[in-house]
Amino acid sequence: MDGSELVGQRKGVKLKQKISRALGPAGVFFRGFLEHPVMVGSIIPSSRYTIRKMLDRVKWDECKVFVEYGPGVGTFCQPVLDRLPRDGELIVIDTNPLFIDFLKRTITDSRFRPVLGSAADVEEIVQACGHDHADYVLSGLPFSTLPDGVAPEIAAATYRVIRSGGAFLTYQFSTVARDYTEKHFERVDKGFEWLNVPPCVLGWGWKA
C-alpha cells in the first residue's frame, strides 16, 4: 500500500468516526453496517412494535438468563432489562468490537454482560458466565448471509443451550432463521410485523 492509499484509508476511517459521533447510536449502527454488512441484518434498528411483539411471549417470571445474538447498539437491551427479574442476567454476544465497546460504555446495569464472540459458541459463553443453560435466546442475525456452515451451527448450539420450556426468538427479513429453527425446535410459532423497516418475519421456537 503506497502513501496516497494509506492517507485515503485514514480519511475514510475518520469520516466514519465523525458520522458515528454526530448521529449517536444511529451513527454507530450505520458504521457497523458499513464495516460488516454481512453480519448486520439491517441499516435501520428494529421498531418498538417489533420489540414489543417479540418480547411479549416471554414468561419473564421464569427467566433468569436471557441471551441475545447481534445486539448492535442495544435496541433490544433496555427493553429486556426493563422486564428481566432483579436476579436475572442478560448476556449479549456480538462479533463486532465496535458494538460491544459501545454497549459497555452506555449500559451500566449490573445484570448486563456484553461478550465479544460468536453465537456459535453460546454454550461455552453461557457456562463461562456461570450458568448451565439459557431460558431464552433472541437473534436478529442475518442467517441468510452468514458464512457457509455458521447458520446451522448456531441453530444447533442454541437448541442445546436452551432449557426445556424455553424458546429461541428470531426476527429477520426472510424466513431463513425461522426455517433453521424448525429443524431443531419441537414447536415454532410464526408472526410478522409490518411496522418495521423493512417488514419483519418473526419466529418463536419452543423447546419441549
N, C-alpha and C. Protein backbone atom coordinates (compact mmCIF):
# COMPACT_ATOMS: atom_id res chain seq x y z
N MET A 1 0.85 -1.19 0.00
CA MET A 1 0.00 0.00 0.00
C MET A 1 0.88 1.24 0.00
N ASP A 2 0.70 2.15 -1.00
CA ASP A 2 1.52 3.36 -1.05
C ASP A 2 0.95 4.44 -0.13
N GLY A 3 1.68 5.59 -0.06
CA GLY A 3 1.30 6.64 0.86
C GLY A 3 -0.08 7.22 0.59
N SER A 4 -0.43 7.41 -0.68
CA SER A 4 -1.72 8.01 -1.02
C SER A 4 -2.88 7.09 -0.63
N GLU A 5 -2.70 5.77 -0.78
CA GLU A 5 -3.75 4.83 -0.40
C GLU A 5 -3.94 4.83 1.11
N LEU A 6 -2.82 4.92 1.85
CA LEU A 6 -2.88 4.93 3.31
C LEU A 6 -3.60 6.18 3.81
N VAL A 7 -3.29 7.31 3.18
CA VAL A 7 -3.97 8.56 3.56
C VAL A 7 -5.46 8.48 3.28
N GLY A 8 -5.81 7.91 2.13
CA GLY A 8 -7.22 7.77 1.78
C GLY A 8 -7.95 6.86 2.74
N GLN A 9 -7.30 5.78 3.15
CA GLN A 9 -7.90 4.85 4.10
C GLN A 9 -8.13 5.53 5.45
N ARG A 10 -7.15 6.31 5.91
CA ARG A 10 -7.29 7.02 7.18
C ARG A 10 -8.42 8.04 7.12
N LYS A 11 -8.54 8.74 5.99
CA LYS A 11 -9.63 9.70 5.84
C LYS A 11 -10.98 9.02 5.91
N GLY A 12 -11.06 7.82 5.32
CA GLY A 12 -12.32 7.07 5.35
C GLY A 12 -12.71 6.68 6.76
N VAL A 13 -11.72 6.23 7.55
CA VAL A 13 -11.97 5.85 8.94
C VAL A 13 -12.42 7.05 9.74
N LYS A 14 -11.76 8.19 9.56
CA LYS A 14 -12.11 9.40 10.29
C LYS A 14 -13.52 9.87 9.94
N LEU A 15 -13.89 9.73 8.67
CA LEU A 15 -15.23 10.13 8.25
C LEU A 15 -16.28 9.27 8.93
N LYS A 16 -16.06 7.96 9.01
CA LYS A 16 -16.99 7.05 9.69
C LYS A 16 -17.10 7.41 11.16
N GLN A 17 -15.97 7.76 11.78
CA GLN A 17 -15.98 8.13 13.19
C GLN A 17 -16.76 9.41 13.42
N LYS A 18 -16.63 10.38 12.53
CA LYS A 18 -17.37 11.63 12.64
C LYS A 18 -18.87 11.39 12.52
N ILE A 19 -19.25 10.52 11.59
CA ILE A 19 -20.67 10.19 11.41
C ILE A 19 -21.21 9.53 12.68
N SER A 20 -20.42 8.61 13.25
CA SER A 20 -20.84 7.92 14.47
C SER A 20 -21.08 8.90 15.60
N ARG A 21 -20.13 9.83 15.80
CA ARG A 21 -20.27 10.79 16.89
C ARG A 21 -21.44 11.72 16.66
N ALA A 22 -21.64 12.15 15.42
CA ALA A 22 -22.70 13.10 15.12
C ALA A 22 -24.09 12.50 15.29
N LEU A 23 -24.25 11.25 14.95
CA LEU A 23 -25.56 10.62 14.97
C LEU A 23 -25.82 9.78 16.21
N GLY A 24 -24.84 9.66 17.12
CA GLY A 24 -25.04 8.88 18.33
C GLY A 24 -25.19 7.40 18.02
N PRO A 25 -26.12 6.70 18.71
CA PRO A 25 -26.32 5.26 18.47
C PRO A 25 -26.60 4.93 17.01
N ALA A 26 -27.39 5.79 16.35
CA ALA A 26 -27.70 5.54 14.93
C ALA A 26 -26.43 5.58 14.09
N GLY A 27 -25.51 6.49 14.46
CA GLY A 27 -24.26 6.58 13.73
C GLY A 27 -23.38 5.37 13.94
N VAL A 28 -23.35 4.86 15.17
CA VAL A 28 -22.58 3.65 15.48
C VAL A 28 -23.15 2.46 14.71
N PHE A 29 -24.47 2.38 14.69
CA PHE A 29 -25.13 1.28 13.98
C PHE A 29 -24.81 1.35 12.49
N PHE A 30 -24.88 2.57 11.92
CA PHE A 30 -24.60 2.77 10.50
C PHE A 30 -23.16 2.40 10.18
N ARG A 31 -22.24 2.81 11.05
CA ARG A 31 -20.84 2.48 10.84
C ARG A 31 -20.62 0.97 10.90
N GLY A 32 -21.28 0.31 11.87
CA GLY A 32 -21.16 -1.14 11.97
C GLY A 32 -21.66 -1.83 10.71
N PHE A 33 -22.75 -1.28 10.13
CA PHE A 33 -23.29 -1.85 8.90
C PHE A 33 -22.31 -1.68 7.75
N LEU A 34 -21.69 -0.50 7.66
CA LEU A 34 -20.73 -0.24 6.58
C LEU A 34 -19.52 -1.16 6.67
N GLU A 35 -19.06 -1.41 7.90
CA GLU A 35 -17.85 -2.21 8.08
C GLU A 35 -18.10 -3.71 7.97
N HIS A 36 -19.30 -4.15 8.39
CA HIS A 36 -19.61 -5.59 8.37
C HIS A 36 -21.05 -5.80 7.87
N PRO A 37 -21.34 -5.46 6.61
CA PRO A 37 -22.72 -5.58 6.12
C PRO A 37 -23.28 -6.99 6.14
N VAL A 38 -22.43 -8.01 6.02
CA VAL A 38 -22.90 -9.39 6.02
C VAL A 38 -23.39 -9.81 7.40
N MET A 39 -22.83 -9.19 8.45
CA MET A 39 -23.14 -9.59 9.82
C MET A 39 -24.22 -8.73 10.47
N VAL A 40 -24.61 -7.64 9.81
CA VAL A 40 -25.65 -6.76 10.35
C VAL A 40 -26.89 -6.90 9.48
N GLY A 41 -28.01 -7.22 10.10
CA GLY A 41 -29.21 -7.55 9.35
C GLY A 41 -29.84 -6.40 8.61
N SER A 42 -29.68 -5.18 9.12
CA SER A 42 -30.34 -4.04 8.51
C SER A 42 -29.57 -2.78 8.81
N ILE A 43 -29.78 -1.76 8.00
CA ILE A 43 -29.15 -0.46 8.23
C ILE A 43 -29.95 0.34 9.25
N ILE A 44 -31.17 -0.11 9.56
CA ILE A 44 -32.06 0.58 10.50
C ILE A 44 -32.41 -0.36 11.66
N PRO A 45 -32.26 0.09 12.91
CA PRO A 45 -32.62 -0.75 14.07
C PRO A 45 -34.10 -1.12 14.06
N SER A 46 -34.45 -2.19 14.78
CA SER A 46 -35.84 -2.67 14.84
C SER A 46 -36.77 -1.64 15.47
N SER A 47 -38.02 -1.67 15.05
CA SER A 47 -39.02 -0.74 15.59
C SER A 47 -39.50 -1.17 16.96
N ARG A 48 -40.13 -0.25 17.68
CA ARG A 48 -40.68 -0.58 19.01
C ARG A 48 -41.80 -1.61 18.89
N TYR A 49 -42.45 -1.67 17.75
CA TYR A 49 -43.52 -2.65 17.55
C TYR A 49 -42.94 -4.06 17.45
N THR A 50 -41.82 -4.17 16.74
CA THR A 50 -41.14 -5.47 16.65
C THR A 50 -40.62 -5.90 18.01
N ILE A 51 -40.04 -4.97 18.74
CA ILE A 51 -39.50 -5.28 20.07
C ILE A 51 -40.60 -5.80 20.98
N ARG A 52 -41.72 -5.08 21.04
CA ARG A 52 -42.81 -5.47 21.93
C ARG A 52 -43.39 -6.82 21.53
N LYS A 53 -43.59 -7.03 20.24
CA LYS A 53 -44.18 -8.30 19.80
C LYS A 53 -43.26 -9.47 20.09
N MET A 54 -41.95 -9.29 19.89
CA MET A 54 -41.00 -10.38 20.14
C MET A 54 -40.95 -10.74 21.62
N LEU A 55 -40.98 -9.74 22.50
CA LEU A 55 -40.78 -9.98 23.93
C LEU A 55 -42.05 -10.33 24.69
N ASP A 56 -43.20 -10.08 24.10
CA ASP A 56 -44.46 -10.32 24.80
C ASP A 56 -44.69 -11.78 25.15
N ARG A 57 -44.07 -12.71 24.40
CA ARG A 57 -44.33 -14.13 24.64
C ARG A 57 -43.38 -14.75 25.67
N VAL A 58 -42.45 -13.96 26.16
CA VAL A 58 -41.51 -14.45 27.17
C VAL A 58 -42.20 -14.50 28.54
N LYS A 59 -42.00 -15.60 29.25
CA LYS A 59 -42.51 -15.71 30.62
C LYS A 59 -41.43 -15.16 31.55
N TRP A 60 -41.52 -13.86 31.80
CA TRP A 60 -40.44 -13.17 32.49
C TRP A 60 -40.24 -13.64 33.92
N ASP A 61 -41.29 -14.08 34.57
CA ASP A 61 -41.14 -14.55 35.95
C ASP A 61 -40.37 -15.87 36.02
N GLU A 62 -40.17 -16.52 34.86
CA GLU A 62 -39.42 -17.78 34.81
C GLU A 62 -38.07 -17.60 34.12
N CYS A 63 -37.71 -16.35 33.84
CA CYS A 63 -36.49 -16.07 33.08
C CYS A 63 -35.37 -15.54 33.98
N LYS A 64 -34.28 -16.27 34.02
CA LYS A 64 -33.10 -15.84 34.78
C LYS A 64 -31.92 -15.52 33.86
N VAL A 65 -31.85 -16.22 32.73
CA VAL A 65 -30.75 -16.00 31.79
C VAL A 65 -31.33 -15.76 30.39
N PHE A 66 -31.16 -14.55 29.90
CA PHE A 66 -31.64 -14.17 28.57
C PHE A 66 -30.41 -13.84 27.74
N VAL A 67 -30.32 -14.45 26.56
CA VAL A 67 -29.17 -14.25 25.67
C VAL A 67 -29.64 -13.58 24.38
N GLU A 68 -28.84 -12.64 23.90
CA GLU A 68 -29.15 -12.01 22.61
C GLU A 68 -27.95 -12.12 21.69
N TYR A 69 -28.21 -12.54 20.44
CA TYR A 69 -27.18 -12.56 19.41
C TYR A 69 -27.28 -11.28 18.59
N GLY A 70 -26.15 -10.64 18.34
CA GLY A 70 -26.14 -9.47 17.49
C GLY A 70 -26.91 -8.29 18.05
N PRO A 71 -26.56 -7.82 19.25
CA PRO A 71 -27.31 -6.73 19.87
C PRO A 71 -27.17 -5.38 19.19
N GLY A 72 -26.13 -5.23 18.35
CA GLY A 72 -25.94 -3.93 17.71
C GLY A 72 -25.69 -2.86 18.75
N VAL A 73 -26.47 -1.77 18.68
CA VAL A 73 -26.32 -0.67 19.64
C VAL A 73 -27.27 -0.79 20.82
N GLY A 74 -27.89 -1.97 20.98
CA GLY A 74 -28.70 -2.21 22.16
C GLY A 74 -30.17 -1.90 22.03
N THR A 75 -30.71 -1.99 20.83
CA THR A 75 -32.12 -1.68 20.60
C THR A 75 -33.04 -2.53 21.49
N PHE A 76 -32.70 -3.80 21.65
CA PHE A 76 -33.50 -4.70 22.49
C PHE A 76 -33.03 -4.72 23.95
N CYS A 77 -31.80 -4.28 24.21
CA CYS A 77 -31.20 -4.48 25.53
C CYS A 77 -31.99 -3.84 26.66
N GLN A 78 -32.30 -2.56 26.54
CA GLN A 78 -33.02 -1.92 27.64
C GLN A 78 -34.43 -2.47 27.81
N PRO A 79 -35.18 -2.71 26.73
CA PRO A 79 -36.49 -3.35 26.91
C PRO A 79 -36.41 -4.71 27.61
N VAL A 80 -35.36 -5.48 27.32
CA VAL A 80 -35.18 -6.77 28.00
C VAL A 80 -34.86 -6.53 29.48
N LEU A 81 -33.96 -5.62 29.76
CA LEU A 81 -33.59 -5.33 31.15
C LEU A 81 -34.77 -4.78 31.94
N ASP A 82 -35.63 -4.03 31.27
CA ASP A 82 -36.81 -3.49 31.95
C ASP A 82 -37.76 -4.60 32.40
N ARG A 83 -37.73 -5.73 31.71
CA ARG A 83 -38.64 -6.85 32.01
C ARG A 83 -37.97 -7.94 32.84
N LEU A 84 -36.67 -8.00 32.81
CA LEU A 84 -35.91 -9.08 33.44
C LEU A 84 -35.95 -8.96 34.98
N PRO A 85 -36.12 -10.09 35.70
CA PRO A 85 -36.10 -10.05 37.16
C PRO A 85 -34.78 -9.48 37.70
N ARG A 86 -34.81 -9.02 38.92
CA ARG A 86 -33.63 -8.40 39.51
C ARG A 86 -32.44 -9.34 39.62
N ASP A 87 -32.72 -10.64 39.75
CA ASP A 87 -31.63 -11.61 39.85
C ASP A 87 -31.32 -12.28 38.52
N GLY A 88 -31.84 -11.72 37.44
CA GLY A 88 -31.58 -12.27 36.11
C GLY A 88 -30.32 -11.70 35.49
N GLU A 89 -29.97 -12.23 34.32
CA GLU A 89 -28.79 -11.72 33.61
C GLU A 89 -29.06 -11.71 32.11
N LEU A 90 -28.65 -10.63 31.47
CA LEU A 90 -28.75 -10.50 30.02
C LEU A 90 -27.34 -10.62 29.45
N ILE A 91 -27.11 -11.66 28.67
CA ILE A 91 -25.82 -11.88 28.01
C ILE A 91 -25.99 -11.56 26.53
N VAL A 92 -25.23 -10.60 26.03
CA VAL A 92 -25.31 -10.27 24.61
C VAL A 92 -23.99 -10.64 23.94
N ILE A 93 -24.10 -11.22 22.76
CA ILE A 93 -22.93 -11.74 22.04
C ILE A 93 -22.85 -11.09 20.66
N ASP A 94 -21.71 -10.51 20.36
CA ASP A 94 -21.52 -9.88 19.05
C ASP A 94 -20.07 -10.05 18.60
N THR A 95 -19.87 -10.24 17.31
CA THR A 95 -18.52 -10.38 16.76
C THR A 95 -17.88 -9.03 16.46
N ASN A 96 -18.67 -7.96 16.54
CA ASN A 96 -18.18 -6.64 16.19
C ASN A 96 -17.73 -5.88 17.44
N PRO A 97 -16.43 -5.62 17.60
CA PRO A 97 -15.95 -4.91 18.80
C PRO A 97 -16.50 -3.49 18.90
N LEU A 98 -16.86 -2.89 17.77
CA LEU A 98 -17.45 -1.55 17.79
C LEU A 98 -18.73 -1.54 18.61
N PHE A 99 -19.60 -2.52 18.39
CA PHE A 99 -20.86 -2.60 19.11
C PHE A 99 -20.64 -2.95 20.59
N ILE A 100 -19.75 -3.91 20.85
CA ILE A 100 -19.51 -4.33 22.23
C ILE A 100 -18.93 -3.17 23.04
N ASP A 101 -18.00 -2.43 22.48
CA ASP A 101 -17.41 -1.28 23.19
C ASP A 101 -18.48 -0.23 23.46
N PHE A 102 -19.35 0.01 22.49
CA PHE A 102 -20.42 1.00 22.67
C PHE A 102 -21.35 0.58 23.79
N LEU A 103 -21.73 -0.70 23.83
CA LEU A 103 -22.64 -1.19 24.86
C LEU A 103 -22.01 -1.13 26.24
N LYS A 104 -20.73 -1.42 26.34
CA LYS A 104 -20.04 -1.35 27.63
C LYS A 104 -20.04 0.07 28.17
N ARG A 105 -19.98 1.06 27.27
CA ARG A 105 -19.95 2.46 27.69
C ARG A 105 -21.33 2.99 28.05
N THR A 106 -22.35 2.45 27.44
CA THR A 106 -23.68 3.07 27.57
C THR A 106 -24.65 2.33 28.48
N ILE A 107 -24.42 1.06 28.76
CA ILE A 107 -25.33 0.31 29.64
C ILE A 107 -24.56 -0.11 30.89
N THR A 108 -24.99 0.39 32.04
CA THR A 108 -24.26 0.16 33.29
C THR A 108 -25.00 -0.79 34.24
N ASP A 109 -26.10 -1.35 33.80
CA ASP A 109 -26.87 -2.27 34.62
C ASP A 109 -26.01 -3.47 35.01
N SER A 110 -26.00 -3.83 36.29
CA SER A 110 -25.17 -4.93 36.77
C SER A 110 -25.60 -6.29 36.21
N ARG A 111 -26.82 -6.37 35.67
CA ARG A 111 -27.32 -7.63 35.10
C ARG A 111 -26.90 -7.81 33.65
N PHE A 112 -26.19 -6.84 33.11
CA PHE A 112 -25.84 -6.81 31.68
C PHE A 112 -24.43 -7.33 31.47
N ARG A 113 -24.29 -8.31 30.56
CA ARG A 113 -22.99 -8.93 30.29
C ARG A 113 -22.71 -8.94 28.78
N PRO A 114 -21.98 -7.96 28.25
CA PRO A 114 -21.64 -7.94 26.82
C PRO A 114 -20.41 -8.81 26.55
N VAL A 115 -20.48 -9.64 25.52
CA VAL A 115 -19.39 -10.58 25.22
C VAL A 115 -19.01 -10.46 23.74
N LEU A 116 -17.72 -10.27 23.49
CA LEU A 116 -17.21 -10.26 22.13
C LEU A 116 -16.94 -11.71 21.74
N GLY A 117 -17.73 -12.22 20.79
CA GLY A 117 -17.58 -13.62 20.40
C GLY A 117 -18.62 -14.02 19.39
N SER A 118 -18.66 -15.31 19.11
CA SER A 118 -19.58 -15.84 18.11
C SER A 118 -20.77 -16.54 18.77
N ALA A 119 -21.93 -16.37 18.18
CA ALA A 119 -23.13 -17.05 18.68
C ALA A 119 -22.97 -18.56 18.60
N ALA A 120 -22.12 -19.04 17.71
CA ALA A 120 -21.90 -20.48 17.61
C ALA A 120 -21.26 -21.04 18.88
N ASP A 121 -20.65 -20.17 19.68
CA ASP A 121 -20.00 -20.59 20.92
C ASP A 121 -20.88 -20.29 22.14
N VAL A 122 -22.17 -20.18 21.94
CA VAL A 122 -23.07 -19.77 23.03
C VAL A 122 -22.99 -20.69 24.24
N GLU A 123 -22.81 -21.99 24.03
CA GLU A 123 -22.75 -22.91 25.17
C GLU A 123 -21.56 -22.59 26.08
N GLU A 124 -20.40 -22.38 25.48
CA GLU A 124 -19.21 -22.06 26.25
C GLU A 124 -19.34 -20.69 26.93
N ILE A 125 -19.95 -19.74 26.23
CA ILE A 125 -20.11 -18.39 26.77
C ILE A 125 -21.05 -18.39 27.97
N VAL A 126 -22.16 -19.09 27.84
CA VAL A 126 -23.12 -19.17 28.95
C VAL A 126 -22.49 -19.83 30.16
N GLN A 127 -21.73 -20.90 29.93
CA GLN A 127 -21.05 -21.59 31.03
C GLN A 127 -20.00 -20.69 31.67
N ALA A 128 -19.27 -19.92 30.85
CA ALA A 128 -18.25 -19.00 31.38
C ALA A 128 -18.87 -17.90 32.24
N CYS A 129 -20.14 -17.60 31.97
CA CYS A 129 -20.85 -16.59 32.76
C CYS A 129 -21.47 -17.20 34.02
N GLY A 130 -21.26 -18.51 34.22
CA GLY A 130 -21.70 -19.15 35.45
C GLY A 130 -23.06 -19.81 35.40
N HIS A 131 -23.54 -20.13 34.19
CA HIS A 131 -24.87 -20.71 34.06
C HIS A 131 -24.81 -22.04 33.32
N ASP A 132 -25.76 -22.91 33.61
CA ASP A 132 -25.84 -24.21 32.94
C ASP A 132 -26.63 -24.13 31.64
N HIS A 133 -27.51 -23.15 31.55
CA HIS A 133 -28.37 -23.05 30.37
C HIS A 133 -28.89 -21.63 30.24
N ALA A 134 -29.57 -21.37 29.13
CA ALA A 134 -30.28 -20.10 28.92
C ALA A 134 -31.77 -20.40 28.92
N ASP A 135 -32.55 -19.44 29.38
CA ASP A 135 -34.00 -19.60 29.34
C ASP A 135 -34.56 -19.19 27.99
N TYR A 136 -34.04 -18.08 27.47
CA TYR A 136 -34.47 -17.58 26.15
C TYR A 136 -33.26 -17.05 25.41
N VAL A 137 -33.30 -17.22 24.09
CA VAL A 137 -32.27 -16.65 23.22
C VAL A 137 -32.97 -15.86 22.12
N LEU A 138 -32.52 -14.64 21.91
CA LEU A 138 -33.08 -13.76 20.89
C LEU A 138 -32.03 -13.52 19.81
N SER A 139 -32.45 -13.57 18.55
CA SER A 139 -31.49 -13.35 17.47
C SER A 139 -32.08 -12.51 16.34
N GLY A 140 -31.32 -11.49 15.96
CA GLY A 140 -31.65 -10.72 14.77
C GLY A 140 -30.57 -10.91 13.71
N LEU A 141 -29.74 -11.95 13.88
CA LEU A 141 -28.66 -12.20 12.93
C LEU A 141 -29.22 -12.50 11.54
N PRO A 142 -28.55 -12.03 10.50
CA PRO A 142 -28.99 -12.32 9.13
C PRO A 142 -28.55 -13.72 8.70
N PHE A 143 -29.31 -14.72 9.09
CA PHE A 143 -28.94 -16.12 8.82
C PHE A 143 -28.71 -16.37 7.33
N SER A 144 -29.38 -15.64 6.49
CA SER A 144 -29.28 -15.89 5.05
C SER A 144 -27.94 -15.45 4.46
N THR A 145 -27.19 -14.59 5.16
CA THR A 145 -25.92 -14.10 4.62
C THR A 145 -24.71 -14.50 5.46
N LEU A 146 -24.93 -15.33 6.48
CA LEU A 146 -23.81 -15.78 7.30
C LEU A 146 -22.89 -16.70 6.48
N PRO A 147 -21.61 -16.78 6.83
CA PRO A 147 -20.69 -17.67 6.12
C PRO A 147 -21.21 -19.11 6.12
N ASP A 148 -20.81 -19.88 5.12
CA ASP A 148 -21.27 -21.27 4.98
C ASP A 148 -21.04 -22.07 6.27
N GLY A 149 -22.08 -22.77 6.69
CA GLY A 149 -21.97 -23.64 7.84
C GLY A 149 -22.23 -22.98 9.18
N VAL A 150 -22.20 -21.66 9.23
CA VAL A 150 -22.35 -20.97 10.50
C VAL A 150 -23.79 -20.99 10.99
N ALA A 151 -24.75 -20.74 10.10
CA ALA A 151 -26.15 -20.71 10.50
C ALA A 151 -26.63 -22.02 11.12
N PRO A 152 -26.40 -23.18 10.48
CA PRO A 152 -26.83 -24.44 11.11
C PRO A 152 -26.10 -24.71 12.42
N GLU A 153 -24.85 -24.28 12.52
CA GLU A 153 -24.09 -24.47 13.75
C GLU A 153 -24.70 -23.66 14.89
N ILE A 154 -25.10 -22.42 14.58
CA ILE A 154 -25.72 -21.57 15.60
C ILE A 154 -27.07 -22.15 16.03
N ALA A 155 -27.86 -22.60 15.06
CA ALA A 155 -29.18 -23.15 15.39
C ALA A 155 -29.06 -24.37 16.29
N ALA A 156 -28.12 -25.24 15.99
CA ALA A 156 -27.94 -26.45 16.79
C ALA A 156 -27.44 -26.13 18.20
N ALA A 157 -26.48 -25.21 18.29
CA ALA A 157 -25.94 -24.83 19.60
C ALA A 157 -27.00 -24.14 20.44
N THR A 158 -27.85 -23.36 19.79
CA THR A 158 -28.91 -22.66 20.51
C THR A 158 -29.90 -23.65 21.10
N TYR A 159 -30.26 -24.67 20.35
CA TYR A 159 -31.18 -25.68 20.87
C TYR A 159 -30.58 -26.37 22.10
N ARG A 160 -29.29 -26.67 22.03
CA ARG A 160 -28.66 -27.37 23.14
C ARG A 160 -28.58 -26.51 24.40
N VAL A 161 -28.38 -25.21 24.24
CA VAL A 161 -28.16 -24.36 25.41
C VAL A 161 -29.46 -23.94 26.10
N ILE A 162 -30.58 -24.00 25.37
CA ILE A 162 -31.86 -23.56 25.94
C ILE A 162 -32.46 -24.69 26.78
N ARG A 163 -32.99 -24.33 27.94
CA ARG A 163 -33.64 -25.31 28.82
C ARG A 163 -34.98 -25.75 28.23
N SER A 164 -35.49 -26.85 28.71
CA SER A 164 -36.83 -27.30 28.32
C SER A 164 -37.85 -26.26 28.75
N GLY A 165 -38.74 -25.91 27.85
CA GLY A 165 -39.73 -24.88 28.13
C GLY A 165 -39.30 -23.50 27.69
N GLY A 166 -38.02 -23.36 27.34
CA GLY A 166 -37.50 -22.07 26.87
C GLY A 166 -37.73 -21.91 25.38
N ALA A 167 -37.26 -20.80 24.82
CA ALA A 167 -37.53 -20.54 23.41
C ALA A 167 -36.41 -19.77 22.72
N PHE A 168 -36.34 -19.98 21.42
CA PHE A 168 -35.43 -19.26 20.53
C PHE A 168 -36.27 -18.26 19.73
N LEU A 169 -36.02 -16.97 19.95
CA LEU A 169 -36.80 -15.91 19.31
C LEU A 169 -35.99 -15.32 18.16
N THR A 170 -36.57 -15.31 16.95
CA THR A 170 -35.86 -14.77 15.80
C THR A 170 -36.69 -13.74 15.06
N TYR A 171 -36.00 -12.73 14.55
CA TYR A 171 -36.64 -11.74 13.69
C TYR A 171 -35.68 -11.45 12.54
N GLN A 172 -36.20 -11.51 11.33
CA GLN A 172 -35.38 -11.34 10.15
C GLN A 172 -36.28 -10.90 9.00
N PHE A 173 -35.69 -10.57 7.88
CA PHE A 173 -36.47 -10.07 6.75
C PHE A 173 -36.79 -11.17 5.74
N SER A 174 -36.41 -12.41 6.09
CA SER A 174 -36.76 -13.58 5.28
C SER A 174 -37.11 -14.69 6.27
N THR A 175 -37.49 -15.84 5.75
CA THR A 175 -37.87 -16.96 6.61
C THR A 175 -36.70 -17.86 6.99
N VAL A 176 -35.48 -17.50 6.58
CA VAL A 176 -34.33 -18.40 6.75
C VAL A 176 -34.08 -18.76 8.21
N ALA A 177 -34.05 -17.76 9.10
CA ALA A 177 -33.80 -18.03 10.52
C ALA A 177 -34.89 -18.94 11.09
N ARG A 178 -36.13 -18.67 10.71
CA ARG A 178 -37.25 -19.49 11.19
C ARG A 178 -37.17 -20.90 10.64
N ASP A 179 -36.70 -21.03 9.41
CA ASP A 179 -36.54 -22.36 8.80
C ASP A 179 -35.51 -23.19 9.56
N TYR A 180 -34.40 -22.58 9.94
CA TYR A 180 -33.39 -23.29 10.72
C TYR A 180 -33.94 -23.66 12.10
N THR A 181 -34.75 -22.78 12.67
CA THR A 181 -35.36 -23.05 13.97
C THR A 181 -36.24 -24.30 13.89
N GLU A 182 -36.99 -24.43 12.82
CA GLU A 182 -37.91 -25.55 12.66
C GLU A 182 -37.19 -26.89 12.56
N LYS A 183 -35.92 -26.87 12.20
CA LYS A 183 -35.16 -28.12 12.09
C LYS A 183 -34.79 -28.70 13.46
N HIS A 184 -34.89 -27.88 14.50
CA HIS A 184 -34.46 -28.32 15.82
C HIS A 184 -35.56 -28.26 16.88
N PHE A 185 -36.36 -27.22 16.86
CA PHE A 185 -37.31 -27.00 17.93
C PHE A 185 -38.66 -27.68 17.65
N GLU A 186 -39.26 -28.20 18.73
CA GLU A 186 -40.45 -29.02 18.59
C GLU A 186 -41.67 -28.23 18.11
N ARG A 187 -41.75 -26.97 18.51
CA ARG A 187 -42.87 -26.14 18.07
C ARG A 187 -42.36 -24.75 17.70
N VAL A 188 -42.82 -24.25 16.58
CA VAL A 188 -42.41 -22.91 16.15
C VAL A 188 -43.65 -22.08 15.86
N ASP A 189 -43.82 -21.01 16.62
CA ASP A 189 -44.90 -20.06 16.37
C ASP A 189 -44.39 -19.02 15.39
N LYS A 190 -45.29 -18.59 14.51
CA LYS A 190 -44.88 -17.67 13.44
C LYS A 190 -45.63 -16.35 13.55
N GLY A 191 -44.95 -15.28 13.14
CA GLY A 191 -45.56 -13.97 13.16
C GLY A 191 -44.94 -13.06 12.12
N PHE A 192 -45.49 -11.85 12.01
CA PHE A 192 -45.00 -10.88 11.03
C PHE A 192 -45.27 -9.49 11.58
N GLU A 193 -44.34 -8.59 11.36
CA GLU A 193 -44.52 -7.22 11.80
C GLU A 193 -44.35 -6.26 10.63
N TRP A 194 -45.47 -5.64 10.24
CA TRP A 194 -45.44 -4.70 9.12
C TRP A 194 -44.80 -3.38 9.52
N LEU A 195 -44.96 -2.99 10.80
CA LEU A 195 -44.47 -1.69 11.25
C LEU A 195 -42.99 -1.77 11.63
N ASN A 196 -42.20 -2.11 10.63
CA ASN A 196 -40.75 -2.21 10.77
C ASN A 196 -40.17 -1.90 9.40
N VAL A 197 -38.95 -1.39 9.36
CA VAL A 197 -38.33 -1.06 8.07
C VAL A 197 -37.08 -1.92 7.89
N PRO A 198 -37.16 -2.91 6.93
CA PRO A 198 -38.37 -3.37 6.23
C PRO A 198 -39.22 -4.25 7.14
N PRO A 199 -40.42 -4.62 6.69
CA PRO A 199 -41.27 -5.53 7.48
C PRO A 199 -40.51 -6.80 7.86
N CYS A 200 -40.90 -7.39 8.98
CA CYS A 200 -40.07 -8.40 9.62
C CYS A 200 -40.80 -9.74 9.82
N VAL A 201 -40.10 -10.84 9.50
CA VAL A 201 -40.59 -12.19 9.75
C VAL A 201 -40.18 -12.59 11.17
N LEU A 202 -41.12 -13.03 11.98
CA LEU A 202 -40.86 -13.36 13.37
C LEU A 202 -41.03 -14.85 13.63
N GLY A 203 -40.30 -15.37 14.60
CA GLY A 203 -40.42 -16.77 14.95
C GLY A 203 -40.10 -17.01 16.41
N TRP A 204 -40.82 -17.95 17.03
CA TRP A 204 -40.58 -18.36 18.41
C TRP A 204 -40.48 -19.89 18.43
N GLY A 205 -39.28 -20.41 18.58
CA GLY A 205 -39.11 -21.85 18.61
C GLY A 205 -39.06 -22.34 20.04
N TRP A 206 -39.99 -23.21 20.41
CA TRP A 206 -40.14 -23.68 21.79
C TRP A 206 -39.52 -25.06 21.96
N LYS A 207 -38.74 -25.22 23.01
CA LYS A 207 -38.11 -26.50 23.30
C LYS A 207 -38.98 -27.28 24.27
N ALA A 208 -39.37 -28.47 23.89
CA ALA A 208 -40.28 -29.28 24.71
C ALA A 208 -39.58 -29.72 25.98
